Amino acid sequence: MSKWLIASDIHGSALYCKTLLEHIQREAPERVLLLGDLLYHGPRNDLPEGYDPRQVITMLNAIRDLLLCVRGNCEAEVDQMVLKFPVLAEYAVVEKEGQTVFATHGHHYNEQNPPPHRRGDILLCGHTHVPGCTVHEDFIYMNPGSVAIPKGGSPRSFLLWEAGVFTWRELDTGKPFLTSSGRL
């Protein structure tokens, strides 16, 4: 069984990207799934602490072989020119450990507007900057939260997926604060 680390909404913060990379090194996941908004903070957000997109580019390019990424609403074609891994896919469908996960940023498909799916599928989104897990009648919505700009009183966070279990962790401490089996 492999381990995946899932994160979203770095928004150009080299400070928090560095902390995320420390968790990646410690956890040694097989893959890192990034749910978009990597470099730019966007017009609706304040500059995150440690804002330095050029450093984020360097840090992420250094681990490009681990990365699977989907496009956030702040990604642009110019970002693809400097990042050495694909960042412009609107979504990815992942089959792992008997589970189907539709991974997207969340600005098009989201909890209120899910994509076509089968009963029991997981919809994995970022965008809201609020970690969470909601079991619906026929799908499960999950959000890892934001690495750099948490909202709604939530901590900076990321998600680990291992042995069929999803565990949300605080970025600053690494402490778990939510778990799910990912099953209906």
Protein backbone atom coordinates (compact mmCIF):
# COMPACT_ATOMS: atom_id res chain seq x y z
CA MET A 1 0.00 0.00 0.00
CA SER A 2 1.39 3.35 -1.01
CA LYS A 3 1.17 6.69 0.73
CA TRP A 4 0.09 9.90 -1.01
CA LEU A 5 0.36 13.43 0.34
CA ILE A 6 -2.32 15.85 -0.89
CA ALA A 7 -2.11 19.63 -0.57
CA SER A 8 -3.62 22.74 -2.07
CA ASP A 9 -3.38 26.50 -2.21
CA ILE A 10 0.31 27.27 -1.63
CA HIS A 11 -0.28 30.69 -3.26
CA GLY A 12 3.41 31.52 -3.70
CA SER A 13 4.40 31.22 -0.03
CA ALA A 14 7.97 29.94 0.08
CA LEU A 15 7.77 29.84 3.88
CA TYR A 16 4.87 27.37 3.96
CA CYS A 17 6.01 25.51 0.84
CA LYS A 18 9.27 24.81 2.68
CA THR A 19 7.30 23.45 5.65
CA LEU A 20 5.26 21.28 3.28
CA LEU A 21 8.49 19.94 1.74
CA GLU A 22 9.72 19.03 5.23
CA HIS A 23 6.55 16.94 5.71
CA ILE A 24 7.06 15.38 2.29
CA GLN A 25 10.61 14.42 3.22
CA ARG A 26 9.50 13.02 6.60
CA GLU A 27 6.46 11.13 5.26
CA ALA A 28 8.20 9.88 2.08
CA PRO A 29 5.01 9.55 0.00
CA GLU A 30 4.98 7.70 -3.29
CA ARG A 31 3.13 10.66 -4.87
CA VAL A 32 2.27 14.25 -4.00
CA LEU A 33 -1.04 15.47 -5.40
CA LEU A 34 -1.32 19.27 -5.58
CA LEU A 35 -4.80 20.70 -6.11
CA GLY A 36 -3.77 24.00 -7.67
CA ASP A 37 -3.08 27.64 -6.83
CA LEU A 38 0.65 27.11 -6.51
CA LEU A 39 2.32 30.44 -7.32
CA TYR A 40 -0.03 33.42 -7.38
CA HIS A 41 -1.99 34.70 -4.38
CA GLY A 42 -4.96 35.87 -6.46
CA PRO A 43 -6.84 39.17 -6.27
CA ARG A 44 -9.12 38.06 -3.40
CA ASN A 45 -6.34 37.06 -1.01
CA ASP A 46 -3.78 39.08 0.91
CA LEU A 47 -0.15 38.26 0.21
CA PRO A 48 0.68 35.16 2.24
CA GLU A 49 3.54 35.22 4.69
CA GLY A 50 6.82 34.45 2.93
CA TYR A 51 5.45 35.28 -0.54
CA ASP A 52 8.17 34.40 -3.03
CA PRO A 53 6.85 32.55 -6.09
CA ARG A 54 10.34 32.16 -7.58
CA GLN A 55 11.46 30.17 -4.54
CA VAL A 56 8.29 28.06 -4.73
CA ILE A 57 9.10 27.32 -8.39
CA THR A 58 12.58 26.12 -7.41
CA MET A 59 11.29 23.99 -4.52
CA LEU A 60 8.52 22.32 -6.50
CA ASN A 61 10.66 21.73 -9.59
CA ALA A 62 13.13 19.90 -7.35
CA ILE A 63 10.46 17.27 -6.52
CA ARG A 64 8.74 17.22 -9.92
CA ASP A 65 9.00 13.44 -10.24
CA LEU A 66 6.72 13.04 -7.20
CA LEU A 67 4.09 15.53 -8.35
CA LEU A 68 0.67 15.13 -9.87
CA CYS A 69 -1.04 18.51 -10.16
CA VAL A 70 -4.34 20.00 -11.29
CA ARG A 71 -4.96 23.58 -12.33
CA GLY A 72 -6.28 26.09 -9.82
CA ASN A 73 -8.14 29.25 -10.65
CA CYS A 74 -4.89 31.21 -10.15
CA GLU A 75 -2.77 29.13 -12.55
CA ALA A 76 -1.93 30.63 -15.94
CA GLU A 77 -0.06 29.43 -18.98
CA VAL A 78 2.94 31.47 -17.88
CA ASP A 79 3.14 29.24 -14.77
CA GLN A 80 3.57 26.21 -17.01
CA MET A 81 6.51 27.95 -18.67
CA VAL A 82 8.47 27.95 -15.40
CA LEU A 83 7.24 24.74 -13.74
CA LYS A 84 8.79 21.49 -14.96
CA PHE A 85 5.68 19.35 -14.34
CA PRO A 86 2.16 19.62 -15.80
CA VAL A 87 -0.07 22.14 -13.98
CA LEU A 88 -2.82 22.95 -16.48
CA ALA A 89 -5.08 19.86 -16.29
CA GLU A 90 -8.52 20.79 -15.01
CA TYR A 91 -8.83 17.48 -13.15
CA ALA A 92 -7.30 14.05 -12.61
CA VAL A 93 -9.05 10.75 -11.99
CA VAL A 94 -7.08 8.50 -9.67
CA GLU A 95 -7.77 4.81 -9.01
CA LYS A 96 -6.00 3.63 -5.87
CA GLU A 97 -6.73 0.84 -3.39
CA GLY A 98 -10.14 0.19 -4.93
CA GLN A 99 -11.21 3.82 -4.65
CA THR A 100 -11.89 6.31 -7.43
CA VAL A 101 -10.94 9.90 -6.68
CA PHE A 102 -11.84 12.84 -8.89
CA ALA A 103 -9.22 15.48 -8.04
CA THR A 104 -9.83 19.08 -9.08
CA HIS A 105 -9.22 22.53 -7.67
CA GLY A 106 -12.87 23.16 -6.86
CA HIS A 107 -13.68 26.34 -8.75
CA HIS A 108 -15.64 24.44 -11.44
CA TYR A 109 -16.51 21.07 -9.94
CA ASN A 110 -17.09 21.12 -6.19
CA GLU A 111 -19.32 19.87 -3.41
CA GLN A 112 -22.32 21.83 -4.72
CA ASN A 113 -21.54 20.98 -8.37
CA PRO A 114 -20.01 17.49 -8.42
CA PRO A 115 -18.82 15.89 -11.66
CA PRO A 116 -20.50 12.75 -12.96
CA HIS A 117 -19.52 9.95 -10.60
CA ARG A 118 -20.40 6.50 -9.35
CA ARG A 119 -21.70 5.75 -5.89
CA GLY A 120 -18.86 5.85 -3.39
CA ASP A 121 -16.46 7.98 -5.45
CA ILE A 122 -14.45 10.69 -3.74
CA LEU A 123 -14.46 14.31 -4.90
CA LEU A 124 -11.21 15.90 -3.78
CA CYS A 125 -11.04 19.70 -4.03
CA GLY A 126 -9.05 22.64 -2.71
CA HIS A 127 -10.11 26.23 -3.45
CA THR A 128 -12.13 27.02 -0.28
CA HIS A 129 -9.03 26.94 1.97
CA VAL A 130 -11.11 25.06 4.55
CA PRO A 131 -10.27 21.42 5.34
CA GLY A 132 -13.19 19.05 5.51
CA CYS A 133 -14.89 15.79 4.74
CA THR A 134 -18.59 15.47 4.00
CA VAL A 135 -20.29 12.16 3.27
CA HIS A 136 -23.12 12.66 0.79
CA GLU A 137 -25.66 10.07 -0.27
CA ASP A 138 -23.57 8.87 -3.21
CA PHE A 139 -20.12 10.51 -2.97
CA ILE A 140 -17.65 11.81 -0.42
CA TYR A 141 -16.32 15.36 -0.60
CA MET A 142 -12.83 16.00 0.81
CA ASN A 143 -10.74 19.15 1.01
CA PRO A 144 -7.16 19.20 2.37
CA GLY A 145 -7.44 22.89 3.30
CA SER A 146 -4.77 25.45 2.44
CA VAL A 147 -1.02 25.29 2.93
CA ALA A 148 -0.62 29.09 3.05
CA ILE A 149 -3.91 30.95 3.51
CA PRO A 150 -6.32 29.00 5.72
CA LYS A 151 -9.83 30.34 6.08
CA GLY A 152 -12.78 29.86 8.41
CA GLY A 153 -10.58 29.58 11.49
CA SER A 154 -8.95 26.41 10.15
CA PRO A 155 -5.25 25.54 10.48
CA ARG A 156 -2.80 25.41 7.60
CA SER A 157 -3.14 21.79 6.54
CA PHE A 158 -2.50 18.90 4.19
CA LEU A 159 -3.86 15.40 3.78
CA LEU A 160 -2.27 11.94 3.85
CA TRP A 161 -3.85 8.97 2.06
CA GLU A 162 -2.52 5.60 3.15
CA ALA A 163 -4.02 2.11 3.43
CA GLY A 164 -7.45 3.46 2.49
CA VAL A 165 -7.44 6.05 5.27
CA PHE A 166 -7.37 9.81 4.79
CA THR A 167 -5.77 11.82 7.60
CA TRP A 168 -5.79 15.61 7.77
CA ARG A 169 -2.72 17.11 9.42
CA GLU A 170 -1.82 20.56 10.64
CA LEU A 171 1.02 21.97 8.56
CA ASP A 172 2.66 23.72 11.50
CA THR A 173 2.73 20.74 13.92
CA GLY A 174 2.05 17.68 11.77
CA LYS A 175 -0.65 16.66 14.27
CA PRO A 176 -3.70 14.86 12.84
CA PHE A 177 -7.07 16.52 13.36
CA LEU A 178 -9.48 14.54 11.14
CA THR A 179 -9.62 11.06 9.60
CA SER A 180 -11.89 9.28 7.14
CA SER A 181 -12.04 5.81 5.65
CA GLY A 182 -13.13 7.35 2.37
CA ARG A 183 -16.03 4.88 2.19
CA LEU A 184 -19.79 5.39 2.24
